[in-house]
Amino acid sequence: MAKQKSGGTGTQAQAMPAANPSAMPVARERMIAVAAYYLAEQRGFSPGQEVEDWLQAEKGLDAVTAGTTAETAS
């Protein structure tokens, strides 16, 4: 008996692994850079606070991923 085709595109969706920024340093750095950009935008891009923006973005990402990791471990 022949297989029936589904109405899909013929490609199977693959499950994405849980995000673990410590395992993907380049992706983590990119996420921090984007978050730091938006923090700088919120304060009008005034100079001299770039490091604070970066550190705040890092802290925010760490908090989000810690919550995600804790939720998936339960």
PDB file of N, CA and C in Angstrom:
ATOM      1  N   MET A   1       0.843  -1.169   0.000  1.00  0.00           N
ATOM      2  CA  MET A   1       0.000   0.000   0.000  1.00  0.00           C
ATOM      3  C   MET A   1       0.893   1.237   0.000  1.00  0.00           C
ATOM      4  N   ALA A   2       0.584   2.201  -0.825  1.00  0.00           N
ATOM      5  CA  ALA A   2       1.381   3.428  -0.937  1.00  0.00           C
ATOM      6  C   ALA A   2       1.097   4.357   0.229  1.00  0.00           C
ATOM      7  N   LYS A   3       2.142   5.062   0.629  1.00  0.00           N
ATOM      8  CA  LYS A   3       1.967   6.044   1.697  1.00  0.00           C
ATOM      9  C   LYS A   3       1.201   7.241   1.165  1.00  0.00           C
ATOM     10  N   GLN A   4       0.337   7.782   2.019  1.00  0.00           N
ATOM     11  CA  GLN A   4      -0.374   8.990   1.648  1.00  0.00           C
ATOM     12  C   GLN A   4       0.452  10.187   2.082  1.00  0.00           C
ATOM     13  N   LYS A   5       0.480  11.174   1.221  1.00  0.00           N
ATOM     14  CA  LYS A   5       1.204  12.389   1.564  1.00  0.00           C
ATOM     15  C   LYS A   5       0.325  13.266   2.440  1.00  0.00           C
ATOM     16  N   SER A   6       0.971  13.891   3.399  1.00  0.00           N
ATOM     17  CA  SER A   6       0.231  14.840   4.223  1.00  0.00           C
ATOM     18  C   SER A   6       0.128  16.154   3.466  1.00  0.00           C
ATOM     19  N   GLY A   7      -0.661  17.054   3.971  1.00  0.00           N
ATOM     20  CA  GLY A   7      -0.848  18.342   3.334  1.00  0.00           C
ATOM     21  C   GLY A   7       0.317  19.285   3.553  1.00  0.00           C
ATOM     22  N   GLY A   8       1.362  18.845   4.233  1.00  0.00           N
ATOM     23  CA  GLY A   8       2.505  19.707   4.552  1.00  0.00           C
ATOM     24  C   GLY A   8       3.409  19.929   3.365  1.00  0.00           C
ATOM     25  N   THR A   9       4.529  20.530   3.626  1.00  0.00           N
ATOM     26  CA  THR A   9       5.475  20.861   2.567  1.00  0.00           C
ATOM     27  C   THR A   9       6.399  19.707   2.235  1.00  0.00           C
ATOM     28  N   GLY A  10       6.316  18.637   2.981  1.00  0.00           N
ATOM     29  CA  GLY A  10       7.176  17.500   2.722  1.00  0.00           C
ATOM     30  C   GLY A  10       8.413  17.489   3.594  1.00  0.00           C
ATOM     31  N   THR A  11       8.655  18.560   4.316  1.00  0.00           N
ATOM     32  CA  THR A  11       9.802  18.596   5.219  1.00  0.00           C
ATOM     33  C   THR A  11       9.310  18.416   6.639  1.00  0.00           C
ATOM     34  N   GLN A  12      10.075  17.690   7.395  1.00  0.00           N
ATOM     35  CA  GLN A  12       9.694  17.466   8.778  1.00  0.00           C
ATOM     36  C   GLN A  12      10.312  18.541   9.649  1.00  0.00           C
ATOM     37  N   ALA A  13       9.520  19.033  10.589  1.00  0.00           N
ATOM     38  CA  ALA A  13      10.042  20.018  11.535  1.00  0.00           C
ATOM     39  C   ALA A  13      10.940  19.311  12.532  1.00  0.00           C
ATOM     40  N   GLN A  14      12.079  19.895  12.785  1.00  0.00           N
ATOM     41  CA  GLN A  14      12.991  19.321  13.759  1.00  0.00           C
ATOM     42  C   GLN A  14      12.905  20.123  15.040  1.00  0.00           C
ATOM     43  N   ALA A  15      12.927  19.427  16.152  1.00  0.00           N
ATOM     44  CA  ALA A  15      12.867  20.100  17.447  1.00  0.00           C
ATOM     45  C   ALA A  15      14.165  20.852  17.685  1.00  0.00           C
ATOM     46  N   MET A  16      14.038  22.073  18.149  1.00  0.00           N
ATOM     47  CA  MET A  16      15.213  22.871  18.476  1.00  0.00           C
ATOM     48  C   MET A  16      15.637  22.539  19.899  1.00  0.00           C
ATOM     49  N   PRO A  17      16.922  22.398  20.138  1.00  0.00           N
ATOM     50  CA  PRO A  17      17.373  22.148  21.504  1.00  0.00           C
ATOM     51  C   PRO A  17      17.111  23.368  22.370  1.00  0.00           C
ATOM     52  N   ALA A  18      16.982  23.152  23.663  1.00  0.00           N
ATOM     53  CA  ALA A  18      16.764  24.256  24.588  1.00  0.00           C
ATOM     54  C   ALA A  18      17.927  25.230  24.491  1.00  0.00           C
ATOM     55  N   ALA A  19      17.606  26.502  24.530  1.00  0.00           N
ATOM     56  CA  ALA A  19      18.654  27.522  24.439  1.00  0.00           C
ATOM     57  C   ALA A  19      19.532  27.481  25.681  1.00  0.00           C
ATOM     58  N   ASN A  20      20.808  27.393  25.461  1.00  0.00           N
ATOM     59  CA  ASN A  20      21.771  27.408  26.553  1.00  0.00           C
ATOM     60  C   ASN A  20      22.894  28.346  26.138  1.00  0.00           C
ATOM     61  N   PRO A  21      22.751  29.651  26.454  1.00  0.00           N
ATOM     62  CA  PRO A  21      23.730  30.619  25.983  1.00  0.00           C
ATOM     63  C   PRO A  21      25.166  30.316  26.378  1.00  0.00           C
ATOM     64  N   SER A  22      25.395  29.640  27.502  1.00  0.00           N
ATOM     65  CA  SER A  22      26.773  29.339  27.876  1.00  0.00           C
ATOM     66  C   SER A  22      27.392  28.325  26.919  1.00  0.00           C
ATOM     67  N   ALA A  23      26.561  27.519  26.261  1.00  0.00           N
ATOM     68  CA  ALA A  23      27.056  26.547  25.290  1.00  0.00           C
ATOM     69  C   ALA A  23      27.240  27.187  23.918  1.00  0.00           C
ATOM     70  N   MET A  24      26.681  28.373  23.732  1.00  0.00           N
ATOM     71  CA  MET A  24      26.764  29.070  22.451  1.00  0.00           C
ATOM     72  C   MET A  24      27.272  30.490  22.686  1.00  0.00           C
ATOM     73  N   PRO A  25      28.565  30.658  22.928  1.00  0.00           N
ATOM     74  CA  PRO A  25      29.077  31.984  23.294  1.00  0.00           C
ATOM     75  C   PRO A  25      28.852  33.058  22.233  1.00  0.00           C
ATOM     76  N   VAL A  26      28.893  32.707  20.961  1.00  0.00           N
ATOM     77  CA  VAL A  26      28.684  33.709  19.917  1.00  0.00           C
ATOM     78  C   VAL A  26      27.239  34.184  19.930  1.00  0.00           C
ATOM     79  N   ALA A  27      26.300  33.255  20.062  1.00  0.00           N
ATOM     80  CA  ALA A  27      24.885  33.620  20.119  1.00  0.00           C
ATOM     81  C   ALA A  27      24.598  34.441  21.373  1.00  0.00           C
ATOM     82  N   ARG A  28      25.203  34.071  22.471  1.00  0.00           N
ATOM     83  CA  ARG A  28      25.008  34.803  23.728  1.00  0.00           C
ATOM     84  C   ARG A  28      25.522  36.229  23.588  1.00  0.00           C
ATOM     85  N   GLU A  29      26.703  36.371  23.004  1.00  0.00           N
ATOM     86  CA  GLU A  29      27.277  37.705  22.816  1.00  0.00           C
ATOM     87  C   GLU A  29      26.388  38.558  21.916  1.00  0.00           C
ATOM     88  N   ARG A  30      25.834  37.951  20.889  1.00  0.00           N
ATOM     89  CA  ARG A  30      24.942  38.679  19.975  1.00  0.00           C
ATOM     90  C   ARG A  30      23.679  39.129  20.704  1.00  0.00           C
ATOM     91  N   MET A  31      23.099  38.268  21.532  1.00  0.00           N
ATOM     92  CA  MET A  31      21.897  38.640  22.282  1.00  0.00           C
ATOM     93  C   MET A  31      22.189  39.786  23.241  1.00  0.00           C
ATOM     94  N   ILE A  32      23.351  39.743  23.879  1.00  0.00           N
ATOM     95  CA  ILE A  32      23.739  40.814  24.801  1.00  0.00           C
ATOM     96  C   ILE A  32      23.918  42.117  24.025  1.00  0.00           C
ATOM     97  N   ALA A  33      24.570  42.051  22.873  1.00  0.00           N
ATOM     98  CA  ALA A  33      24.795  43.249  22.061  1.00  0.00           C
ATOM     99  C   ALA A  33      23.477  43.896  21.642  1.00  0.00           C
ATOM    100  N   VAL A  34      22.518  43.082  21.240  1.00  0.00           N
ATOM    101  CA  VAL A  34      21.215  43.608  20.830  1.00  0.00           C
ATOM    102  C   VAL A  34      20.507  44.245  22.023  1.00  0.00           C
ATOM    103  N   ALA A  35      20.521  43.565  23.159  1.00  0.00           N
ATOM    104  CA  ALA A  35      19.879  44.111  24.359  1.00  0.00           C
ATOM    105  C   ALA A  35      20.555  45.408  24.792  1.00  0.00           C
ATOM    106  N   ALA A  36      21.881  45.457  24.732  1.00  0.00           N
ATOM    107  CA  ALA A  36      22.616  46.671  25.104  1.00  0.00           C
ATOM    108  C   ALA A  36      22.272  47.821  24.156  1.00  0.00           C
ATOM    109  N   TYR A  37      22.095  47.512  22.898  1.00  0.00           N
ATOM    110  CA  TYR A  37      21.699  48.536  21.928  1.00  0.00           C
ATOM    111  C   TYR A  37      20.359  49.151  22.324  1.00  0.00           C
ATOM    112  N   TYR A  38      19.387  48.300  22.660  1.00  0.00           N
ATOM    113  CA  TYR A  38      18.074  48.818  23.030  1.00  0.00           C
ATOM    114  C   TYR A  38      18.124  49.608  24.337  1.00  0.00           C
ATOM    115  N   LEU A  39      18.974  49.197  25.259  1.00  0.00           N
ATOM    116  CA  LEU A  39      19.147  49.973  26.486  1.00  0.00           C
ATOM    117  C   LEU A  39      19.722  51.352  26.164  1.00  0.00           C
ATOM    118  N   ALA A  40      20.712  51.401  25.287  1.00  0.00           N
ATOM    119  CA  ALA A  40      21.301  52.680  24.879  1.00  0.00           C
ATOM    120  C   ALA A  40      20.268  53.546  24.158  1.00  0.00           C
ATOM    121  N   GLU A  41      19.458  52.917  23.337  1.00  0.00           N
ATOM    122  CA  GLU A  41      18.412  53.649  22.621  1.00  0.00           C
ATOM    123  C   GLU A  41      17.439  54.287  23.605  1.00  0.00           C
ATOM    124  N   GLN A  42      17.067  53.540  24.650  1.00  0.00           N
ATOM    125  CA  GLN A  42      16.128  54.055  25.650  1.00  0.00           C
ATOM    126  C   GLN A  42      16.668  55.295  26.352  1.00  0.00           C
ATOM    127  N   ARG A  43      17.975  55.405  26.486  1.00  0.00           N
ATOM    128  CA  ARG A  43      18.554  56.568  27.167  1.00  0.00           C
ATOM    129  C   ARG A  43      19.067  57.604  26.177  1.00  0.00           C
ATOM    130  N   GLY A  44      18.684  57.483  24.922  1.00  0.00           N
ATOM    131  CA  GLY A  44      19.028  58.477  23.916  1.00  0.00           C
ATOM    132  C   GLY A  44      20.454  58.395  23.396  1.00  0.00           C
ATOM    133  N   PHE A  45      21.094  57.247  23.536  1.00  0.00           N
ATOM    134  CA  PHE A  45      22.462  57.018  23.051  1.00  0.00           C
ATOM    135  C   PHE A  45      23.479  58.008  23.619  1.00  0.00           C
ATOM    136  N   SER A  46      23.216  58.527  24.815  1.00  0.00           N
ATOM    137  CA  SER A  46      24.196  59.440  25.408  1.00  0.00           C
ATOM    138  C   SER A  46      25.483  58.671  25.687  1.00  0.00           C
ATOM    139  N   PRO A  47      26.633  59.261  25.344  1.00  0.00           N
ATOM    140  CA  PRO A  47      27.904  58.540  25.478  1.00  0.00           C
ATOM    141  C   PRO A  47      28.339  58.372  26.929  1.00  0.00           C
ATOM    142  N   GLY A  48      29.200  57.373  27.129  1.00  0.00           N
ATOM    143  CA  GLY A  48      29.811  57.166  28.434  1.00  0.00           C
ATOM    144  C   GLY A  48      29.160  56.092  29.283  1.00  0.00           C
ATOM    145  N   GLN A  49      28.090  55.475  28.794  1.00  0.00           N
ATOM    146  CA  GLN A  49      27.407  54.447  29.582  1.00  0.00           C
ATOM    147  C   GLN A  49      27.352  53.106  28.856  1.00  0.00           C
ATOM    148  N   GLU A  50      28.220  52.927  27.894  1.00  0.00           N
ATOM    149  CA  GLU A  50      28.202  51.709  27.087  1.00  0.00           C
ATOM    150  C   GLU A  50      28.480  50.463  27.918  1.00  0.00           C
ATOM    151  N   VAL A  51      29.442  50.562  28.831  1.00  0.00           N
ATOM    152  CA  VAL A  51      29.784  49.404  29.670  1.00  0.00           C
ATOM    153  C   VAL A  51      28.614  49.055  30.581  1.00  0.00           C
ATOM    154  N   GLU A  52      27.974  50.071  31.146  1.00  0.00           N
ATOM    155  CA  GLU A  52      26.814  49.819  32.010  1.00  0.00           C
ATOM    156  C   GLU A  52      25.685  49.161  31.226  1.00  0.00           C
ATOM    157  N   ASP A  53      25.471  49.610  29.974  1.00  0.00           N
ATOM    158  CA  ASP A  53      24.451  48.991  29.119  1.00  0.00           C
ATOM    159  C   ASP A  53      24.771  47.516  28.896  1.00  0.00           C
ATOM    160  N   TRP A  54      26.033  47.227  28.600  1.00  0.00           N
ATOM    161  CA  TRP A  54      26.454  45.848  28.338  1.00  0.00           C
ATOM    162  C   TRP A  54      26.247  44.979  29.576  1.00  0.00           C
ATOM    163  N   LEU A  55      26.691  45.486  30.725  1.00  0.00           N
ATOM    164  CA  LEU A  55      26.575  44.703  31.962  1.00  0.00           C
ATOM    165  C   LEU A  55      25.117  44.479  32.343  1.00  0.00           C
ATOM    166  N   GLN A  56      24.283  45.494  32.144  1.00  0.00           N
ATOM    167  CA  GLN A  56      22.858  45.341  32.436  1.00  0.00           C
ATOM    168  C   GLN A  56      22.224  44.325  31.481  1.00  0.00           C
ATOM    169  N   ALA A  57      22.613  44.364  30.222  1.00  0.00           N
ATOM    170  CA  ALA A  57      22.098  43.403  29.243  1.00  0.00           C
ATOM    171  C   ALA A  57      22.530  41.985  29.599  1.00  0.00           C
ATOM    172  N   GLU A  58      23.792  41.826  30.014  1.00  0.00           N
ATOM    173  CA  GLU A  58      24.289  40.513  30.451  1.00  0.00           C
ATOM    174  C   GLU A  58      23.485  39.987  31.634  1.00  0.00           C
ATOM    175  N   LYS A  59      23.273  40.854  32.604  1.00  0.00           N
ATOM    176  CA  LYS A  59      22.529  40.469  33.806  1.00  0.00           C
ATOM    177  C   LYS A  59      21.097  40.062  33.443  1.00  0.00           C
ATOM    178  N   GLY A  60      20.476  40.822  32.560  1.00  0.00           N
ATOM    179  CA  GLY A  60      19.118  40.500  32.131  1.00  0.00           C
ATOM    180  C   GLY A  60      19.042  39.171  31.404  1.00  0.00           C
ATOM    181  N   LEU A  61      19.994  38.924  30.510  1.00  0.00           N
ATOM    182  CA  LEU A  61      20.012  37.652  29.779  1.00  0.00           C
ATOM    183  C   LEU A  61      20.246  36.489  30.730  1.00  0.00           C
ATOM    184  N   ASP A  62      21.168  36.665  31.670  1.00  0.00           N
ATOM    185  CA  ASP A  62      21.434  35.608  32.648  1.00  0.00           C
ATOM    186  C   ASP A  62      20.186  35.294  33.469  1.00  0.00           C
ATOM    187  N   ALA A  63      19.434  36.331  33.850  1.00  0.00           N
ATOM    188  CA  ALA A  63      18.213  36.126  34.632  1.00  0.00           C
ATOM    189  C   ALA A  63      17.162  35.379  33.816  1.00  0.00           C
ATOM    190  N   VAL A  64      17.023  35.760  32.554  1.00  0.00           N
ATOM    191  CA  VAL A  64      16.036  35.105  31.689  1.00  0.00           C
ATOM    192  C   VAL A  64      16.409  33.649  31.454  1.00  0.00           C
ATOM    193  N   THR A  65      17.672  33.384  31.146  1.00  0.00           N
ATOM    194  CA  THR A  65      18.072  32.008  30.862  1.00  0.00           C
ATOM    195  C   THR A  65      18.090  31.152  32.116  1.00  0.00           C
ATOM    196  N   ALA A  66      18.358  31.738  33.269  1.00  0.00           N
ATOM    197  CA  ALA A  66      18.295  30.973  34.519  1.00  0.00           C
ATOM    198  C   ALA A  66      16.860  30.544  34.785  1.00  0.00           C
ATOM    199  N   GLY A  67      15.907  31.420  34.519  1.00  0.00           N
ATOM    200  CA  GLY A  67      14.496  31.082  34.683  1.00  0.00           C
ATOM    201  C   GLY A  67      14.061  30.023  33.698  1.00  0.00           C
ATOM    202  N   THR A  68      14.532  30.115  32.460  1.00  0.00           N
ATOM    203  CA  THR A  68      14.202  29.130  31.436  1.00  0.00           C
ATOM    204  C   THR A  68      14.777  27.774  31.800  1.00  0.00           C
ATOM    205  N   THR A  69      16.026  27.758  32.254  1.00  0.00           N
ATOM    206  CA  THR A  69      16.673  26.508  32.637  1.00  0.00           C
ATOM    207  C   THR A  69      15.953  25.872  33.814  1.00  0.00           C
ATOM    208  N   ALA A  70      15.566  26.672  34.795  1.00  0.00           N
ATOM    209  CA  ALA A  70      14.875  26.151  35.967  1.00  0.00           C
ATOM    210  C   ALA A  70      13.513  25.576  35.585  1.00  0.00           C
ATOM    211  N   GLU A  71      12.814  26.240  34.658  1.00  0.00           N
ATOM    212  CA  GLU A  71      11.500  25.757  34.243  1.00  0.00           C
ATOM    213  C   GLU A  71      11.600  24.447  33.477  1.00  0.00           C
ATOM    214  N   THR A  72      12.599  24.306  32.623  1.00  0.00           N
ATOM    215  CA  THR A  72      12.711  23.090  31.825  1.00  0.00           C
ATOM    216  C   THR A  72      13.241  21.924  32.640  1.00  0.00           C
ATOM    217  N   ALA A  73      13.943  22.206  33.737  1.00  0.00           N
ATOM    218  CA  ALA A  73      14.485  21.138  34.574  1.00  0.00           C
ATOM    219  C   ALA A  73      13.415  20.517  35.460  1.00  0.00           C
ATOM    220  N   SER A  74      12.329  21.230  35.692  1.00  0.00           N
ATOM    221  CA  SER A  74      11.271  20.731  36.585  1.00  0.00           C
ATOM    222  C   SER A  74      10.463  19.644  35.937  1.00  0.00           C
TER     223      SER A  74
END
